[in-house]
Amino acid sequence: MAPEDREKTTFITFFHDMIHKEVKVYVDDMIAKSKTLDQHVVDQRKLFERLRKYRLRLNPAKCNFEVKTGKLLRGIELDPNKVKVILKMPPPRTETEVRGFLGRVNYIARFISQPTATCSPIFMLLQKN
C-alpha cells in the first residue's frame, strides 16, 4: 500500500482483529454482535478498550446496546420472510442444494455473529477429497 494511502485505512486498522468477528463497520457506523449475552459483554469491553486506547469517541445519542432486532444504519433490517424460508428448508442432500443453502445464508450473513466460523462445517462438505 502506498504510504499516502495508509491514513485512509486507519479506522479499519484500529479494529482489524475484531472486524467480521465481533464488529461490523459501515463507514462511520459500528455494530457489535455476539452469540450470547456473556460473550457480548466481553466483546463490548474489548471494543470500548480499543476506543479508549485510540481516543475515539462515540455519540451517546446514536448508541444502542443489547438490541436484538430492529432497523440498523437508518433502515437496513433483516427480512423475516427470508429467515422463515431458510428455517423451513429441508436439509440439503446434494452439492447443489448445499450451495443453494449457503447462498441464502450469505444473504443474511451480516446479521449473523461470525458467519464463516458458524458455517465452516457446511463449507467442509464442499471440499473435494
Protein backbone atom coordinates (compact mmCIF):
# COMPACT_ATOMS: atom_id res chain seq x y z
CA MET A 1 0.00 0.00 0.00
CA ALA A 2 1.25 3.45 -0.83
CA PRO A 3 2.34 5.39 2.29
CA GLU A 4 -0.02 8.27 1.45
CA ASP A 5 -2.99 5.85 1.47
CA ARG A 6 -2.31 4.30 4.88
CA GLU A 7 -4.12 7.06 6.76
CA LYS A 8 -7.30 6.24 4.81
CA THR A 9 -7.38 2.80 6.42
CA THR A 10 -6.59 3.93 9.96
CA PHE A 11 -10.11 3.40 11.31
CA ILE A 12 -10.17 -0.13 9.95
CA THR A 13 -6.67 -0.78 11.27
CA PHE A 14 -7.69 0.04 14.85
CA PHE A 15 -10.22 -2.77 14.75
CA HIS A 16 -8.53 -5.14 12.27
CA ASP A 17 -8.68 -8.18 14.57
CA MET A 18 -12.32 -7.55 15.51
CA ILE A 19 -13.84 -6.87 12.09
CA HIS A 20 -16.06 -9.71 10.81
CA LYS A 21 -15.71 -11.45 14.19
CA GLU A 22 -17.17 -9.16 16.82
CA VAL A 23 -17.68 -5.92 14.91
CA LYS A 24 -19.09 -4.79 11.58
CA VAL A 25 -18.01 -1.38 10.33
CA TYR A 26 -20.03 0.63 7.81
CA VAL A 27 -18.26 3.91 7.04
CA ASP A 28 -18.64 5.63 10.44
CA ASP A 29 -21.12 3.19 11.99
CA MET A 30 -20.19 0.14 14.05
CA ILE A 31 -22.24 -2.84 15.08
CA ALA A 32 -21.00 -5.24 17.74
CA LYS A 33 -22.70 -8.63 17.58
CA SER A 34 -22.33 -11.74 19.67
CA LYS A 35 -23.97 -15.13 20.05
CA THR A 36 -24.62 -14.84 23.80
CA LEU A 37 -25.08 -12.03 26.30
CA ASP A 38 -21.97 -13.13 28.21
CA GLN A 39 -19.90 -13.03 25.03
CA HIS A 40 -21.45 -9.67 24.15
CA VAL A 41 -20.19 -8.21 27.43
CA VAL A 42 -16.68 -9.49 26.64
CA ASP A 43 -16.87 -8.13 23.08
CA GLN A 44 -18.18 -4.74 24.23
CA ARG A 45 -15.42 -4.46 26.81
CA LYS A 46 -12.81 -5.18 24.12
CA LEU A 47 -14.43 -2.63 21.80
CA PHE A 48 -14.52 0.10 24.46
CA GLU A 49 -10.92 -0.60 25.48
CA ARG A 50 -9.92 -0.14 21.84
CA LEU A 51 -11.93 3.07 21.53
CA ARG A 52 -10.29 4.39 24.68
CA LYS A 53 -6.79 3.36 23.55
CA TYR A 54 -7.10 5.35 20.32
CA ARG A 55 -9.07 8.19 21.95
CA LEU A 56 -12.09 7.66 19.74
CA ARG A 57 -15.45 8.95 20.91
CA LEU A 58 -18.98 7.76 20.36
CA ASN A 59 -22.05 9.93 20.11
CA PRO A 60 -24.22 8.74 23.05
CA ALA A 61 -27.37 9.86 21.23
CA LYS A 62 -26.60 7.37 18.45
CA CYS A 63 -25.61 4.41 20.66
CA ASN A 64 -27.91 1.48 21.36
CA PHE A 65 -27.00 -1.52 23.48
CA GLU A 66 -28.31 -5.09 23.72
CA VAL A 67 -30.53 -4.64 20.67
CA LYS A 68 -31.83 -8.00 19.48
CA THR A 69 -33.69 -6.79 16.38
CA GLY A 70 -34.54 -3.56 14.67
CA LYS A 71 -33.52 -1.22 11.91
CA LEU A 72 -29.81 -0.66 11.61
CA LEU A 73 -27.90 2.02 9.79
CA ARG A 74 -31.01 4.06 9.08
CA GLY A 75 -33.01 1.24 7.59
CA ILE A 76 -31.01 -1.92 6.95
CA GLU A 77 -33.07 -4.67 8.50
CA LEU A 78 -33.25 -8.41 8.19
CA ASP A 79 -36.29 -9.53 6.23
CA PRO A 80 -38.13 -12.01 8.50
CA ASN A 81 -39.62 -13.75 5.46
CA LYS A 82 -36.13 -14.61 4.17
CA VAL A 83 -35.30 -16.16 7.55
CA LYS A 84 -38.54 -18.18 7.51
CA VAL A 85 -37.66 -19.60 4.09
CA ILE A 86 -34.23 -20.69 5.35
CA LEU A 87 -35.65 -22.20 8.54
CA LYS A 88 -38.27 -24.19 6.62
CA MET A 89 -35.80 -25.57 4.07
CA PRO A 90 -35.24 -29.33 4.26
CA PRO A 91 -31.64 -30.35 4.97
CA PRO A 92 -29.59 -30.12 1.77
CA ARG A 93 -28.67 -33.53 0.33
CA THR A 94 -26.68 -32.68 -2.78
CA GLU A 95 -23.79 -30.35 -3.52
CA THR A 96 -26.15 -28.08 -5.46
CA GLU A 97 -28.55 -27.92 -2.51
CA VAL A 98 -25.67 -27.17 -0.10
CA ARG A 99 -24.51 -24.33 -2.34
CA GLY A 100 -28.08 -23.02 -2.56
CA PHE A 101 -28.41 -23.12 1.22
CA LEU A 102 -25.10 -21.26 1.68
CA GLY A 103 -26.23 -18.66 -0.86
CA ARG A 104 -29.37 -17.99 1.15
CA VAL A 105 -27.39 -17.81 4.38
CA ASN A 106 -24.93 -15.42 2.72
CA TYR A 107 -27.84 -13.05 2.12
CA ILE A 108 -28.30 -12.68 5.89
CA ALA A 109 -24.62 -13.12 6.87
CA ARG A 110 -24.18 -9.52 8.02
CA PHE A 111 -26.72 -10.23 10.76
CA ILE A 112 -25.01 -13.43 11.99
CA SER A 113 -22.22 -13.38 14.54
CA GLN A 114 -19.12 -14.96 12.96
CA PRO A 115 -20.92 -16.38 9.91
CA THR A 116 -17.82 -18.03 8.40
CA ALA A 117 -17.00 -19.87 11.61
CA THR A 118 -20.65 -20.81 12.10
CA CYS A 119 -20.91 -22.27 8.59
CA SER A 120 -17.45 -23.88 8.47
CA PRO A 121 -18.80 -27.45 8.93
CA ILE A 122 -21.04 -26.87 5.90
CA PHE A 123 -18.16 -25.44 3.85
CA MET A 124 -16.20 -28.61 4.64
CA LEU A 125 -18.89 -30.62 2.86
CA LEU A 126 -17.90 -28.88 -0.38
CA GLN A 127 -14.20 -29.73 -0.15
CA LYS A 128 -13.04 -32.23 -2.73
CA ASN A 129 -11.50 -35.32 -1.06
